[in-house]
Amino acid sequence: MIDKALILRKLSELEEYLKQVKEFSNISIKDYQKDWKTQRIVERTLQMMVEIGVDIANHIIADKEYRVPKSYADTFRVLYEEGVLAEDIFKMMEDMAKFRNIVVHRYDKVDESIVIGILKRHLDDFLIYRDVIMGILNQI
């Protein structure tokens, strides 16, 4: 059974992190490049936000006995395959999961323009994901 209280707590955390990271949404690439503390705060907060999304997805996947995901990005693919996420929401969350992997594993230097793009144009993607999850919770 889906633990509604657990998911609501995670969504509350997500909203708190979103509020915190939005404080940096007007920073320029130049200022971002010069400030390692801001880089650390923003990248780590975005990482935690993606991980909350994955945790929620994994809870739903386990409850519904969907196939086991092979990666963070695949977690959102499972929900897409099962009709839980629309394709556009799946794609945006998949991209966020791939970004998270770059931040965590340092496959390459984090591209500051991607971070600034997320801050300026994609923070609301997390709200869209939250709304989909809330829709699921309201059905149970």
C-alpha atoms as a PDB file:
ATOM      1  CA  MET A   1       0.000   0.000   0.000  1.00  0.00           C
ATOM      2  CA  ILE A   2       1.264   3.475  -0.841  1.00  0.00           C
ATOM      3  CA  ASP A   3       2.330   5.282   2.315  1.00  0.00           C
ATOM      4  CA  LYS A   4       0.541   8.572   1.753  1.00  0.00           C
ATOM      5  CA  ALA A   5       2.104  10.243   4.811  1.00  0.00           C
ATOM      6  CA  LEU A   6       5.622   9.334   3.647  1.00  0.00           C
ATOM      7  CA  ILE A   7       5.048  10.738   0.183  1.00  0.00           C
ATOM      8  CA  LEU A   8       3.478  13.903   1.583  1.00  0.00           C
ATOM      9  CA  ARG A   9       6.541  14.407   3.819  1.00  0.00           C
ATOM     10  CA  LYS A  10       8.810  13.979   0.807  1.00  0.00           C
ATOM     11  CA  LEU A  11       6.746  16.426  -1.233  1.00  0.00           C
ATOM     12  CA  SER A  12       6.981  18.914   1.628  1.00  0.00           C
ATOM     13  CA  GLU A  13      10.785  18.541   1.614  1.00  0.00           C
ATOM     14  CA  LEU A  14      10.791  19.008  -2.148  1.00  0.00           C
ATOM     15  CA  GLU A  15       8.823  22.237  -1.816  1.00  0.00           C
ATOM     16  CA  GLU A  16      11.200  23.505   0.885  1.00  0.00           C
ATOM     17  CA  TYR A  17      14.269  22.776  -1.247  1.00  0.00           C
ATOM     18  CA  LEU A  18      12.585  24.398  -4.220  1.00  0.00           C
ATOM     19  CA  LYS A  19      11.940  27.543  -2.202  1.00  0.00           C
ATOM     20  CA  GLN A  20      15.581  27.599  -1.086  1.00  0.00           C
ATOM     21  CA  VAL A  21      17.097  27.076  -4.527  1.00  0.00           C
ATOM     22  CA  LYS A  22      14.807  29.688  -6.086  1.00  0.00           C
ATOM     23  CA  GLU A  23      16.795  32.271  -4.124  1.00  0.00           C
ATOM     24  CA  PHE A  24      19.536  31.704  -6.707  1.00  0.00           C
ATOM     25  CA  SER A  25      17.351  31.837  -9.817  1.00  0.00           C
ATOM     26  CA  ASN A  26      18.482  35.314 -10.854  1.00  0.00           C
ATOM     27  CA  ILE A  27      22.225  34.643 -10.686  1.00  0.00           C
ATOM     28  CA  SER A  28      24.258  35.174 -13.855  1.00  0.00           C
ATOM     29  CA  ILE A  29      26.526  32.511 -15.292  1.00  0.00           C
ATOM     30  CA  LYS A  30      29.516  34.767 -14.599  1.00  0.00           C
ATOM     31  CA  ASP A  31      28.614  35.207 -10.925  1.00  0.00           C
ATOM     32  CA  TYR A  32      27.832  31.501 -10.612  1.00  0.00           C
ATOM     33  CA  GLN A  33      31.228  30.549 -12.053  1.00  0.00           C
ATOM     34  CA  LYS A  34      33.041  32.748  -9.542  1.00  0.00           C
ATOM     35  CA  ASP A  35      31.278  31.491  -6.403  1.00  0.00           C
ATOM     36  CA  TRP A  36      32.060  27.914  -5.397  1.00  0.00           C
ATOM     37  CA  LYS A  37      29.778  28.151  -2.355  1.00  0.00           C
ATOM     38  CA  THR A  38      26.778  29.016  -4.498  1.00  0.00           C
ATOM     39  CA  GLN A  39      27.714  26.216  -6.898  1.00  0.00           C
ATOM     40  CA  ARG A  40      27.803  23.724  -4.044  1.00  0.00           C
ATOM     41  CA  ILE A  41      24.506  24.893  -2.562  1.00  0.00           C
ATOM     42  CA  VAL A  42      22.665  24.892  -5.884  1.00  0.00           C
ATOM     43  CA  GLU A  43      24.056  21.618  -7.220  1.00  0.00           C
ATOM     44  CA  ARG A  44      23.549  19.737  -3.955  1.00  0.00           C
ATOM     45  CA  THR A  45      20.030  21.094  -3.527  1.00  0.00           C
ATOM     46  CA  LEU A  46      19.089  20.114  -7.085  1.00  0.00           C
ATOM     47  CA  GLN A  47      20.583  16.673  -6.440  1.00  0.00           C
ATOM     48  CA  MET A  48      18.459  16.243  -3.317  1.00  0.00           C
ATOM     49  CA  MET A  49      15.351  17.374  -5.195  1.00  0.00           C
ATOM     50  CA  VAL A  50      15.896  14.757  -7.899  1.00  0.00           C
ATOM     51  CA  GLU A  51      16.546  12.092  -5.281  1.00  0.00           C
ATOM     52  CA  ILE A  52      13.260  12.921  -3.568  1.00  0.00           C
ATOM     53  CA  GLY A  53      11.507  12.492  -6.912  1.00  0.00           C
ATOM     54  CA  VAL A  54      13.205   9.130  -7.374  1.00  0.00           C
ATOM     55  CA  ASP A  55      12.332   8.032  -3.824  1.00  0.00           C
ATOM     56  CA  ILE A  56       8.678   8.807  -4.448  1.00  0.00           C
ATOM     57  CA  ALA A  57       8.745   7.010  -7.790  1.00  0.00           C
ATOM     58  CA  ASN A  58      10.409   3.948  -6.246  1.00  0.00           C
ATOM     59  CA  HIS A  59       7.755   3.828  -3.532  1.00  0.00           C
ATOM     60  CA  ILE A  60       5.014   3.777  -6.172  1.00  0.00           C
ATOM     61  CA  ILE A  61       6.904   1.219  -8.273  1.00  0.00           C
ATOM     62  CA  ALA A  62       7.323  -1.116  -5.303  1.00  0.00           C
ATOM     63  CA  ASP A  63       3.695  -0.770  -4.248  1.00  0.00           C
ATOM     64  CA  LYS A  64       2.370  -1.443  -7.742  1.00  0.00           C
ATOM     65  CA  GLU A  65       4.942  -4.200  -8.365  1.00  0.00           C
ATOM     66  CA  TYR A  66       6.189  -2.591 -11.576  1.00  0.00           C
ATOM     67  CA  ARG A  67       9.506  -3.699 -13.021  1.00  0.00           C
ATOM     68  CA  VAL A  68      12.630  -2.797 -11.057  1.00  0.00           C
ATOM     69  CA  PRO A  69      14.369   0.285 -12.500  1.00  0.00           C
ATOM     70  CA  LYS A  70      17.985  -0.030 -13.648  1.00  0.00           C
ATOM     71  CA  SER A  71      18.975   3.569 -12.876  1.00  0.00           C
ATOM     72  CA  TYR A  72      17.700   6.847 -11.509  1.00  0.00           C
ATOM     73  CA  ALA A  73      16.572   7.928 -14.974  1.00  0.00           C
ATOM     74  CA  ASP A  74      14.955   4.547 -15.590  1.00  0.00           C
ATOM     75  CA  THR A  75      12.828   5.047 -12.484  1.00  0.00           C
ATOM     76  CA  PHE A  76      10.875   7.736 -14.304  1.00  0.00           C
ATOM     77  CA  ARG A  77      10.758   5.575 -17.453  1.00  0.00           C
ATOM     78  CA  VAL A  78       9.006   2.829 -15.451  1.00  0.00           C
ATOM     79  CA  LEU A  79       6.324   5.286 -14.376  1.00  0.00           C
ATOM     80  CA  TYR A  80       5.984   6.435 -17.989  1.00  0.00           C
ATOM     81  CA  GLU A  81       5.700   2.856 -19.261  1.00  0.00           C
ATOM     82  CA  GLU A  82       2.972   2.189 -16.712  1.00  0.00           C
ATOM     83  CA  GLY A  83       1.015   5.293 -17.701  1.00  0.00           C
ATOM     84  CA  VAL A  84       1.672   7.147 -14.454  1.00  0.00           C
ATOM     85  CA  LEU A  85       3.702   9.919 -16.109  1.00  0.00           C
ATOM     86  CA  ALA A  86       2.969  11.596 -19.418  1.00  0.00           C
ATOM     87  CA  GLU A  87       5.839  11.584 -21.902  1.00  0.00           C
ATOM     88  CA  ASP A  88       6.759  15.247 -21.410  1.00  0.00           C
ATOM     89  CA  ILE A  89       6.930  14.862 -17.622  1.00  0.00           C
ATOM     90  CA  PHE A  90       8.918  11.652 -17.975  1.00  0.00           C
ATOM     91  CA  LYS A  91      11.426  13.386 -20.296  1.00  0.00           C
ATOM     92  CA  MET A  92      11.947  16.352 -17.990  1.00  0.00           C
ATOM     93  CA  MET A  93      12.442  14.151 -14.935  1.00  0.00           C
ATOM     94  CA  GLU A  94      14.731  11.824 -16.882  1.00  0.00           C
ATOM     95  CA  ASP A  95      16.856  14.844 -17.821  1.00  0.00           C
ATOM     96  CA  MET A  96      16.961  15.913 -14.176  1.00  0.00           C
ATOM     97  CA  ALA A  97      18.106  12.416 -13.164  1.00  0.00           C
ATOM     98  CA  LYS A  98      20.890  12.529 -15.776  1.00  0.00           C
ATOM     99  CA  PHE A  99      21.942  15.941 -14.456  1.00  0.00           C
ATOM    100  CA  ARG A 100      22.000  14.488 -10.938  1.00  0.00           C
ATOM    101  CA  ASN A 101      24.349  11.729 -12.104  1.00  0.00           C
ATOM    102  CA  ILE A 102      26.768  14.280 -13.529  1.00  0.00           C
ATOM    103  CA  VAL A 103      26.737  16.225 -10.251  1.00  0.00           C
ATOM    104  CA  VAL A 104      27.175  13.142  -8.063  1.00  0.00           C
ATOM    105  CA  HIS A 105      29.643  11.141 -10.125  1.00  0.00           C
ATOM    106  CA  ARG A 106      31.528  14.048 -11.667  1.00  0.00           C
ATOM    107  CA  TYR A 107      31.569  12.344 -15.059  1.00  0.00           C
ATOM    108  CA  ASP A 108      32.608  15.695 -16.381  1.00  0.00           C
ATOM    109  CA  LYS A 109      32.756  19.234 -15.084  1.00  0.00           C
ATOM    110  CA  VAL A 110      29.260  20.495 -14.429  1.00  0.00           C
ATOM    111  CA  ASP A 111      28.261  22.845 -17.229  1.00  0.00           C
ATOM    112  CA  GLU A 112      27.319  26.107 -15.546  1.00  0.00           C
ATOM    113  CA  SER A 113      24.982  27.055 -18.397  1.00  0.00           C
ATOM    114  CA  ILE A 114      22.924  23.911 -17.733  1.00  0.00           C
ATOM    115  CA  VAL A 115      22.658  24.762 -14.036  1.00  0.00           C
ATOM    116  CA  ILE A 116      21.622  28.333 -14.813  1.00  0.00           C
ATOM    117  CA  GLY A 117      19.122  27.003 -17.369  1.00  0.00           C
ATOM    118  CA  ILE A 118      17.572  24.778 -14.720  1.00  0.00           C
ATOM    119  CA  LEU A 119      17.424  27.678 -12.269  1.00  0.00           C
ATOM    120  CA  LYS A 120      15.818  30.033 -14.777  1.00  0.00           C
ATOM    121  CA  ARG A 121      13.541  27.710 -16.766  1.00  0.00           C
ATOM    122  CA  HIS A 122      13.067  24.318 -15.146  1.00  0.00           C
ATOM    123  CA  LEU A 123      12.470  24.639 -11.415  1.00  0.00           C
ATOM    124  CA  ASP A 124       8.732  24.510 -12.023  1.00  0.00           C
ATOM    125  CA  ASP A 125       9.240  21.043 -13.543  1.00  0.00           C
ATOM    126  CA  PHE A 126       9.420  19.804  -9.963  1.00  0.00           C
ATOM    127  CA  LEU A 127       6.036  21.382  -9.235  1.00  0.00           C
ATOM    128  CA  ILE A 128       4.545  19.641 -12.261  1.00  0.00           C
ATOM    129  CA  TYR A 129       5.922  16.323 -10.982  1.00  0.00           C
ATOM    130  CA  ARG A 130       4.548  17.117  -7.504  1.00  0.00           C
ATOM    131  CA  ASP A 131       1.115  17.776  -8.976  1.00  0.00           C
ATOM    132  CA  VAL A 132       1.116  14.413 -10.786  1.00  0.00           C
ATOM    133  CA  ILE A 133       2.050  12.649  -7.552  1.00  0.00           C
ATOM    134  CA  MET A 134      -0.656  14.551  -5.659  1.00  0.00           C
ATOM    135  CA  GLY A 135      -3.138  13.371  -8.290  1.00  0.00           C
ATOM    136  CA  ILE A 136      -2.118   9.777  -7.589  1.00  0.00           C
ATOM    137  CA  LEU A 137      -2.475  10.295  -3.838  1.00  0.00           C
ATOM    138  CA  ASN A 138      -5.928  11.802  -4.288  1.00  0.00           C
ATOM    139  CA  GLN A 139      -7.055   8.640  -6.106  1.00  0.00           C
ATOM    140  CA  ILE A 140      -6.252   6.368  -3.163  1.00  0.00           C
END
